[in-house]
Structures are given as C-alpha cells and as structure tokens.
C-alpha cells in the first residue's frame, strides 16, 4: 500500500528542514533583540550633563536653574562685582532696581558714585550729576551684562556639582570658563575667567529690594 503522507516525501522532508531553520533564526534574532534592549535600558546619560528641561530639576530640592536665571534677570538685587587683572582690582558695589542701577566704583585711584538709568551713565558728586563714558574703562562690560551672558551660554551644555545646599554649574566655553554658584533658591555668584581677567559677580537679596538707598 502506498504511503501518501506528505511529510515523509522528499519534498515534505525538505520543507520540514526549512521550517526548523526559520524557527532557529527567529529564536536567535529574538535573543539578540532582547540583549540590545537590556543594554539600552542599562545605559544612563552622565549625570553631570543637562540635555533637557527635566534634568534641570535637582534631586536635592534645588529650584530649577532656568527659574533662577529668570528671577535674577527680572528682579531687583544688591550686587558686588570684583574684577581682577594682573593684580589690578576694580570693585563695583550697588543696587539694581527696575531700570535704575546705583552704586560705587572703587579702584586704586579712589571711589566714585555712579547712577545708570535707561543705559545713561552719570557720576554723582553730592548734588552734582555729570554724564560720563569711562565707567567701564579697560573693562569688557559685556561680562557684566547678565542677560547677554546667559543668552550666550544658552546653547552650551554644563556640568553640575552639588554639595549640601550649594550647587556649582560650570561651562567651559570657547576660551573662557563660567561657573554659576547657587543656593537652593537663587543664584549667588557668577565667576568668569577669560585670559588674565577674573570677574566675580556676587548677588544678594534678589527681589527683596524696595528702593535704592545708596
């Protein structure tokens, strides 16, 4: 009696081998895909680089860095800027309030009082007010423009170091280094090192100044 079982024929046996090979290949590919998925899940972006807004939320209760920038740019504060170059020191101490900036400039030659309103710089001497154009003589005042500084840094990644209630955010940018030191709530200091110049910008009482009283 003739055996009509297809799987026992030469064609059936060949098809069986083909199916077994397909099953084997599917198993191997499945194992490879699962391994790659595990590798991706195990990979973590280095914690000291910020790549999106979510990473700006610190796990130690620090306010978002972007919010701190906005508060510094949009509110009043006391400041002390210490600028050093080859042993020469210039100090600006003052109050930034709305569109008015009032303070003192101290150099080896003495101290002057200045007032900046809507970009116009005046020297104040008792009741005498004189327009001047040399307040920032020999100094790159662009580094004192906080809005311009943050705008220039916005496209760069930064590293973050945290210790207790202090956070240091550091940029290494094309020839100069910028470090921003914050408390839990606000920016306290910006340090800029470029060539032989050191700019140390200190900020106090952000949004707690009601009037200029220098």
C-alpha atoms as a PDB file:
ATOM      1  CA  UNK A   1       0.000   0.000   0.000  1.00  0.00           C
ATOM      2  CA  UNK A   2       1.435   3.378  -0.978  1.00  0.00           C
ATOM      3  CA  UNK A   3       2.170   5.833   1.861  1.00  0.00           C
ATOM      4  CA  UNK A   4       0.608   9.134   0.902  1.00  0.00           C
ATOM      5  CA  UNK A   5       1.915  11.006   3.991  1.00  0.00           C
ATOM      6  CA  UNK A   6       3.296  14.277   2.561  1.00  0.00           C
ATOM      7  CA  UNK A   7       5.820  14.796   5.369  1.00  0.00           C
ATOM      8  CA  UNK A   8       7.559  11.537   4.556  1.00  0.00           C
ATOM      9  CA  UNK A   9       8.161  12.522   0.970  1.00  0.00           C
ATOM     10  CA  UNK A  10      11.413  14.194  -0.139  1.00  0.00           C
ATOM     11  CA  UNK A  11       9.548  17.471  -0.598  1.00  0.00           C
ATOM     12  CA  UNK A  12       7.964  17.196   2.850  1.00  0.00           C
ATOM     13  CA  UNK A  13      11.299  16.461   4.476  1.00  0.00           C
ATOM     14  CA  UNK A  14      12.869  19.468   2.743  1.00  0.00           C
ATOM     15  CA  UNK A  15      10.013  21.715   3.892  1.00  0.00           C
ATOM     16  CA  UNK A  16      10.407  20.410   7.460  1.00  0.00           C
ATOM     17  CA  UNK A  17      14.107  21.336   7.449  1.00  0.00           C
ATOM     18  CA  UNK A  18      13.267  24.799   6.103  1.00  0.00           C
ATOM     19  CA  UNK A  19      10.689  25.372   8.855  1.00  0.00           C
ATOM     20  CA  UNK A  20      13.174  24.273  11.502  1.00  0.00           C
ATOM     21  CA  UNK A  21      15.735  26.749  10.140  1.00  0.00           C
ATOM     22  CA  UNK A  22      13.159  29.559  10.212  1.00  0.00           C
ATOM     23  CA  UNK A  23      12.296  28.755  13.829  1.00  0.00           C
ATOM     24  CA  UNK A  24      16.005  28.708  14.738  1.00  0.00           C
ATOM     25  CA  UNK A  25      16.639  32.077  13.059  1.00  0.00           C
ATOM     26  CA  UNK A  26      13.606  33.632  14.792  1.00  0.00           C
ATOM     27  CA  UNK A  27      14.879  32.419  18.182  1.00  0.00           C
ATOM     28  CA  UNK A  28      18.376  33.816  17.548  1.00  0.00           C
ATOM     29  CA  UNK A  29      17.024  37.198  16.379  1.00  0.00           C
ATOM     30  CA  UNK A  30      14.693  37.357  19.378  1.00  0.00           C
ATOM     31  CA  UNK A  31      17.565  36.719  21.773  1.00  0.00           C
ATOM     32  CA  UNK A  32      19.696  39.401  20.045  1.00  0.00           C
ATOM     33  CA  UNK A  33      16.899  41.996  20.209  1.00  0.00           C
ATOM     34  CA  UNK A  34      16.275  41.311  23.907  1.00  0.00           C
ATOM     35  CA  UNK A  35      20.003  41.695  24.651  1.00  0.00           C
ATOM     36  CA  UNK A  36      20.152  45.047  22.841  1.00  0.00           C
ATOM     37  CA  UNK A  37      17.079  46.257  24.733  1.00  0.00           C
ATOM     38  CA  UNK A  38      18.723  45.339  28.037  1.00  0.00           C
ATOM     39  CA  UNK A  39      21.865  47.250  27.002  1.00  0.00           C
ATOM     40  CA  UNK A  40      19.831  50.346  26.162  1.00  0.00           C
ATOM     41  CA  UNK A  41      17.890  50.132  29.434  1.00  0.00           C
ATOM     42  CA  UNK A  42      21.153  49.827  31.388  1.00  0.00           C
ATOM     43  CA  UNK A  43      22.704  52.897  29.714  1.00  0.00           C
ATOM     44  CA  UNK A  44      22.356  56.177  31.576  1.00  0.00           C
ATOM     45  CA  UNK A  45      23.233  59.674  30.439  1.00  0.00           C
ATOM     46  CA  UNK A  46      26.136  61.077  32.548  1.00  0.00           C
ATOM     47  CA  UNK A  47      24.572  62.851  35.498  1.00  0.00           C
ATOM     48  CA  UNK A  48      26.717  65.974  35.155  1.00  0.00           C
ATOM     49  CA  UNK A  49      25.307  66.944  31.749  1.00  0.00           C
ATOM     50  CA  UNK A  50      22.000  68.721  31.263  1.00  0.00           C
ATOM     51  CA  UNK A  51      20.270  67.888  27.992  1.00  0.00           C
ATOM     52  CA  UNK A  52      16.644  68.881  28.647  1.00  0.00           C
ATOM     53  CA  UNK A  53      14.404  70.869  30.948  1.00  0.00           C
ATOM     54  CA  UNK A  54      13.548  67.864  33.102  1.00  0.00           C
ATOM     55  CA  UNK A  55      17.189  67.311  34.046  1.00  0.00           C
ATOM     56  CA  UNK A  56      17.311  70.846  35.425  1.00  0.00           C
ATOM     57  CA  UNK A  57      15.137  69.680  38.332  1.00  0.00           C
ATOM     58  CA  UNK A  58      17.635  68.801  41.040  1.00  0.00           C
ATOM     59  CA  UNK A  59      17.084  65.844  43.334  1.00  0.00           C
ATOM     60  CA  UNK A  60      18.197  67.815  46.388  1.00  0.00           C
ATOM     61  CA  UNK A  61      15.367  70.362  46.315  1.00  0.00           C
ATOM     62  CA  UNK A  62      17.209  72.977  44.264  1.00  0.00           C
ATOM     63  CA  UNK A  63      14.980  75.295  42.306  1.00  0.00           C
ATOM     64  CA  UNK A  64      15.254  74.928  38.534  1.00  0.00           C
ATOM     65  CA  UNK A  65      18.315  76.687  37.170  1.00  0.00           C
ATOM     66  CA  UNK A  66      16.242  78.306  34.400  1.00  0.00           C
ATOM     67  CA  UNK A  67      13.853  79.759  37.011  1.00  0.00           C
ATOM     68  CA  UNK A  68      16.799  81.153  38.959  1.00  0.00           C
ATOM     69  CA  UNK A  69      18.045  82.880  35.809  1.00  0.00           C
ATOM     70  CA  UNK A  70      14.634  84.434  35.176  1.00  0.00           C
ATOM     71  CA  UNK A  71      14.377  85.711  38.749  1.00  0.00           C
ATOM     72  CA  UNK A  72      17.810  87.322  38.587  1.00  0.00           C
ATOM     73  CA  UNK A  73      17.061  88.978  35.254  1.00  0.00           C
ATOM     74  CA  UNK A  74      13.603  90.238  36.180  1.00  0.00           C
ATOM     75  CA  UNK A  75      14.001  91.367  39.788  1.00  0.00           C
ATOM     76  CA  UNK A  76      15.997  93.772  41.918  1.00  0.00           C
ATOM     77  CA  UNK A  77      19.059  92.870  43.975  1.00  0.00           C
ATOM     78  CA  UNK A  78      22.213  94.062  45.669  1.00  0.00           C
ATOM     79  CA  UNK A  79      25.476  93.270  43.919  1.00  0.00           C
ATOM     80  CA  UNK A  80      29.223  93.341  44.329  1.00  0.00           C
ATOM     81  CA  UNK A  81      31.396  92.825  41.271  1.00  0.00           C
ATOM     82  CA  UNK A  82      35.106  92.226  41.828  1.00  0.00           C
ATOM     83  CA  UNK A  83      37.205  92.386  38.657  1.00  0.00           C
ATOM     84  CA  UNK A  84      40.867  91.384  38.746  1.00  0.00           C
ATOM     85  CA  UNK A  85      43.531  91.649  36.065  1.00  0.00           C
ATOM     86  CA  UNK A  86      47.253  91.114  36.767  1.00  0.00           C
ATOM     87  CA  UNK A  87      46.888  92.297  40.347  1.00  0.00           C
ATOM     88  CA  UNK A  88      44.755  95.327  39.486  1.00  0.00           C
ATOM     89  CA  UNK A  89      41.338  95.253  41.170  1.00  0.00           C
ATOM     90  CA  UNK A  90      38.156  97.149  40.341  1.00  0.00           C
ATOM     91  CA  UNK A  91      35.085  96.792  42.569  1.00  0.00           C
ATOM     92  CA  UNK A  92      31.515  97.772  41.721  1.00  0.00           C
ATOM     93  CA  UNK A  93      29.055  97.729  44.640  1.00  0.00           C
ATOM     94  CA  UNK A  94      25.458  98.737  44.161  1.00  0.00           C
ATOM     95  CA  UNK A  95      21.733  98.147  43.841  1.00  0.00           C
ATOM     96  CA  UNK A  96      19.892  97.107  40.687  1.00  0.00           C
ATOM     97  CA  UNK A  97      16.258  98.187  40.947  1.00  0.00           C
ATOM     98  CA  UNK A  98      13.923  98.203  37.937  1.00  0.00           C
ATOM     99  CA  UNK A  99      15.640 100.301  35.242  1.00  0.00           C
ATOM    100  CA  UNK A 100      17.935 102.027  37.730  1.00  0.00           C
ATOM    101  CA  UNK A 101      21.416 100.957  38.804  1.00  0.00           C
ATOM    102  CA  UNK A 102      23.099 102.941  41.555  1.00  0.00           C
ATOM    103  CA  UNK A 103      26.469 102.132  43.061  1.00  0.00           C
ATOM    104  CA  UNK A 104      30.117 102.852  43.782  1.00  0.00           C
ATOM    105  CA  UNK A 105      33.185 102.093  41.701  1.00  0.00           C
ATOM    106  CA  UNK A 106      36.379 101.547  43.676  1.00  0.00           C
ATOM    107  CA  UNK A 107      39.864 101.499  42.123  1.00  0.00           C
ATOM    108  CA  UNK A 108      43.397 102.254  43.320  1.00  0.00           C
ATOM    109  CA  UNK A 109      42.718 105.865  42.345  1.00  0.00           C
ATOM    110  CA  UNK A 110      39.702 106.291  44.599  1.00  0.00           C
ATOM    111  CA  UNK A 111      35.927 105.854  44.789  1.00  0.00           C
ATOM    112  CA  UNK A 112      33.198 107.391  42.664  1.00  0.00           C
ATOM    113  CA  UNK A 113      29.419 107.122  42.876  1.00  0.00           C
ATOM    114  CA  UNK A 114      27.533 106.364  39.677  1.00  0.00           C
ATOM    115  CA  UNK A 115      23.965 106.059  38.533  1.00  0.00           C
ATOM    116  CA  UNK A 116      22.727 104.286  35.401  1.00  0.00           C
ATOM    117  CA  UNK A 117      19.171 104.982  34.234  1.00  0.00           C
ATOM    118  CA  UNK A 118      17.924 103.620  30.915  1.00  0.00           C
ATOM    119  CA  UNK A 119      21.526 102.995  29.843  1.00  0.00           C
ATOM    120  CA  UNK A 120      22.694 106.552  30.552  1.00  0.00           C
ATOM    121  CA  UNK A 121      25.669 106.643  32.950  1.00  0.00           C
ATOM    122  CA  UNK A 122      26.201 109.565  35.312  1.00  0.00           C
ATOM    123  CA  UNK A 123      28.700 110.278  38.065  1.00  0.00           C
ATOM    124  CA  UNK A 124      27.104 111.638  41.201  1.00  0.00           C
ATOM    125  CA  UNK A 125      29.047 114.039  43.408  1.00  0.00           C
ATOM    126  CA  UNK A 126      26.904 115.499  46.166  1.00  0.00           C
ATOM    127  CA  UNK A 127      24.144 117.305  44.242  1.00  0.00           C
ATOM    128  CA  UNK A 128      26.131 117.424  41.002  1.00  0.00           C
ATOM    129  CA  UNK A 129      25.347 114.870  38.291  1.00  0.00           C
ATOM    130  CA  UNK A 130      27.739 114.554  35.353  1.00  0.00           C
ATOM    131  CA  UNK A 131      27.436 112.299  32.321  1.00  0.00           C
ATOM    132  CA  UNK A 132      30.461 110.003  31.930  1.00  0.00           C
ATOM    133  CA  UNK A 133      31.557 107.413  29.383  1.00  0.00           C
ATOM    134  CA  UNK A 134      34.513 105.803  31.163  1.00  0.00           C
ATOM    135  CA  UNK A 135      32.821 103.886  33.980  1.00  0.00           C
ATOM    136  CA  UNK A 136      33.948 100.599  32.433  1.00  0.00           C
ATOM    137  CA  UNK A 137      37.250 101.877  31.081  1.00  0.00           C
ATOM    138  CA  UNK A 138      39.623  98.987  30.202  1.00  0.00           C
ATOM    139  CA  UNK A 139      36.910  96.500  31.265  1.00  0.00           C
ATOM    140  CA  UNK A 140      34.790  94.359  28.939  1.00  0.00           C
ATOM    141  CA  UNK A 141      31.366  95.358  30.257  1.00  0.00           C
ATOM    142  CA  UNK A 142      29.712  92.578  28.222  1.00  0.00           C
ATOM    143  CA  UNK A 143      30.669  90.209  31.031  1.00  0.00           C
ATOM    144  CA  UNK A 144      28.670  92.395  33.433  1.00  0.00           C
ATOM    145  CA  UNK A 145      25.551  92.191  31.269  1.00  0.00           C
ATOM    146  CA  UNK A 146      23.779  89.232  32.896  1.00  0.00           C
ATOM    147  CA  UNK A 147      21.123  88.922  30.203  1.00  0.00           C
ATOM    148  CA  UNK A 148      23.731  88.838  27.442  1.00  0.00           C
ATOM    149  CA  UNK A 149      25.845  86.357  29.387  1.00  0.00           C
ATOM    150  CA  UNK A 150      23.007  83.867  29.903  1.00  0.00           C
ATOM    151  CA  UNK A 151      21.926  84.255  26.291  1.00  0.00           C
ATOM    152  CA  UNK A 152      25.444  83.441  25.053  1.00  0.00           C
ATOM    153  CA  UNK A 153      25.623  80.381  27.308  1.00  0.00           C
ATOM    154  CA  UNK A 154      22.163  79.037  26.493  1.00  0.00           C
ATOM    155  CA  UNK A 155      23.309  76.785  23.632  1.00  0.00           C
ATOM    156  CA  UNK A 156      26.025  75.063  25.674  1.00  0.00           C
ATOM    157  CA  UNK A 157      25.849  72.076  28.000  1.00  0.00           C
ATOM    158  CA  UNK A 158      27.205  72.418  31.516  1.00  0.00           C
ATOM    159  CA  UNK A 159      28.418  70.219  34.349  1.00  0.00           C
ATOM    160  CA  UNK A 160      26.832  70.324  37.792  1.00  0.00           C
ATOM    161  CA  UNK A 161      28.407  69.710  41.181  1.00  0.00           C
ATOM    162  CA  UNK A 162      26.303  69.695  44.342  1.00  0.00           C
ATOM    163  CA  UNK A 163      27.416  69.883  47.940  1.00  0.00           C
ATOM    164  CA  UNK A 164      24.900  70.315  50.747  1.00  0.00           C
ATOM    165  CA  UNK A 165      22.855  73.417  49.904  1.00  0.00           C
ATOM    166  CA  UNK A 166      25.249  74.728  47.226  1.00  0.00           C
ATOM    167  CA  UNK A 167      25.310  73.923  43.534  1.00  0.00           C
ATOM    168  CA  UNK A 168      28.042  74.870  41.055  1.00  0.00           C
ATOM    169  CA  UNK A 169      27.170  74.925  37.364  1.00  0.00           C
ATOM    170  CA  UNK A 170      30.224  75.128  35.109  1.00  0.00           C
ATOM    171  CA  UNK A 171      30.580  75.974  31.423  1.00  0.00           C
ATOM    172  CA  UNK A 172      33.841  75.608  29.502  1.00  0.00           C
ATOM    173  CA  UNK A 173      33.113  77.817  26.531  1.00  0.00           C
ATOM    174  CA  UNK A 174      35.467  78.754  23.694  1.00  0.00           C
ATOM    175  CA  UNK A 175      38.346  80.324  25.579  1.00  0.00           C
ATOM    176  CA  UNK A 176      36.681  81.233  28.841  1.00  0.00           C
ATOM    177  CA  UNK A 177      35.199  79.436  31.810  1.00  0.00           C
ATOM    178  CA  UNK A 178      31.994  80.376  33.616  1.00  0.00           C
ATOM    179  CA  UNK A 179      30.900  78.997  36.990  1.00  0.00           C
ATOM    180  CA  UNK A 180      27.472  79.801  38.418  1.00  0.00           C
ATOM    181  CA  UNK A 181      27.082  79.138  42.155  1.00  0.00           C
ATOM    182  CA  UNK A 182      23.568  78.813  43.543  1.00  0.00           C
ATOM    183  CA  UNK A 183      21.860  78.203  46.853  1.00  0.00           C
ATOM    184  CA  UNK A 184      18.692  76.110  46.967  1.00  0.00           C
ATOM    185  CA  UNK A 185      16.645  79.127  45.895  1.00  0.00           C
ATOM    186  CA  UNK A 186      18.748  81.592  43.888  1.00  0.00           C
ATOM    187  CA  UNK A 187      21.950  82.421  42.046  1.00  0.00           C
ATOM    188  CA  UNK A 188      24.539  83.792  44.456  1.00  0.00           C
ATOM    189  CA  UNK A 189      27.658  84.206  42.351  1.00  0.00           C
ATOM    190  CA  UNK A 190      28.944  84.051  38.779  1.00  0.00           C
ATOM    191  CA  UNK A 191      32.677  83.623  38.204  1.00  0.00           C
ATOM    192  CA  UNK A 192      34.158  84.252  34.763  1.00  0.00           C
ATOM    193  CA  UNK A 193      37.774  83.512  33.855  1.00  0.00           C
ATOM    194  CA  UNK A 194      38.975  84.790  30.485  1.00  0.00           C
ATOM    195  CA  UNK A 195      42.632  85.319  29.588  1.00  0.00           C
ATOM    196  CA  UNK A 196      44.157  87.199  32.548  1.00  0.00           C
ATOM    197  CA  UNK A 197      40.803  88.523  33.744  1.00  0.00           C
ATOM    198  CA  UNK A 198      38.682  87.225  36.624  1.00  0.00           C
ATOM    199  CA  UNK A 199      35.125  88.542  37.011  1.00  0.00           C
ATOM    200  CA  UNK A 200      33.437  87.664  40.310  1.00  0.00           C
ATOM    201  CA  UNK A 201      29.806  88.748  40.298  1.00  0.00           C
ATOM    202  CA  UNK A 202      28.016  88.420  43.644  1.00  0.00           C
ATOM    203  CA  UNK A 203      24.253  88.848  44.105  1.00  0.00           C
ATOM    204  CA  UNK A 204      22.286  89.414  47.332  1.00  0.00           C
ATOM    205  CA  UNK A 205      18.651  89.807  48.406  1.00  0.00           C
ATOM    206  CA  UNK A 206      17.183  89.027  44.995  1.00  0.00           C
ATOM    207  CA  UNK A 207      13.669  90.511  44.778  1.00  0.00           C
ATOM    208  CA  UNK A 208      13.922  91.888  48.314  1.00  0.00           C
ATOM    209  CA  UNK A 209      14.982  95.445  47.482  1.00  0.00           C
ATOM    210  CA  UNK A 210      12.213  98.034  47.638  1.00  0.00           C
ATOM    211  CA  UNK A 211      14.185 101.192  46.792  1.00  0.00           C
ATOM    212  CA  UNK A 212      17.677 102.435  46.082  1.00  0.00           C
ATOM    213  CA  UNK A 213      19.245 103.954  49.156  1.00  0.00           C
ATOM    214  CA  UNK A 214      22.939 104.267  48.345  1.00  0.00           C
END
